[in-house]
Amino acid sequence: RFVPFNGAIGARQMEWLRGELEEATRNNEKAIIMTHIPLDPKAASLKTVIWDYPEVTSMLGKYDCVSLVLAGHYHPGGYTVNGNGCHHLTIHGSLTHEHGSYGVVNVYGDRITLHGEGDLPSRSMTLH
C-alpha cells in the first residue's frame, strides 16, 4: 500500500509532537503541522501518506489545537477537513503543473488563507 520513500513519524517524533500539542493546548494556542509527506489519505492518496498515518491521525484527533496540516509530496494536491475541523491541505507539485504551484499562507484569528499562484488555487479555511 505504500511506496518505500514515504517513511514514518515513529515513536520518538510522535512523543515530541504530543508534547508540543499538549503545550499548545495548555497555552490556548492553535497549531499548524507542516510535513512533506501527507498525513491523511483523503488529502492525497493511500500510496503517498506516511506509513503510520493511522496512529498519527488518531493522536492528532485528541487535540483540538491542530488547525491545519500542510503537506506536499502528492503532486496533484488535495484537501479535506476531518471530524475535528482540522484542515489537511496538500500543495500541488510545482514540477508537474504548467504554471508552477506556490502561494502565501496567512493566519488570522478566525481563518487561515492561502493566496495561490500559478496553478495552485487560493482558499480560505475557517478555524474551529
Foldseek 3Di string as FASTA:
>chain_A
DEDPPQEACDDVNLVVVLVVLVVCVVVVAADEAEEAFFLDCQFAHPHGHYPPSVVNVVSVVVHLRYAEYEYERRQVWGWDADPSLHIYTYWHQQVPAPQGWDWDWDDDPFWIWTDIDGPTHIDIRGRD
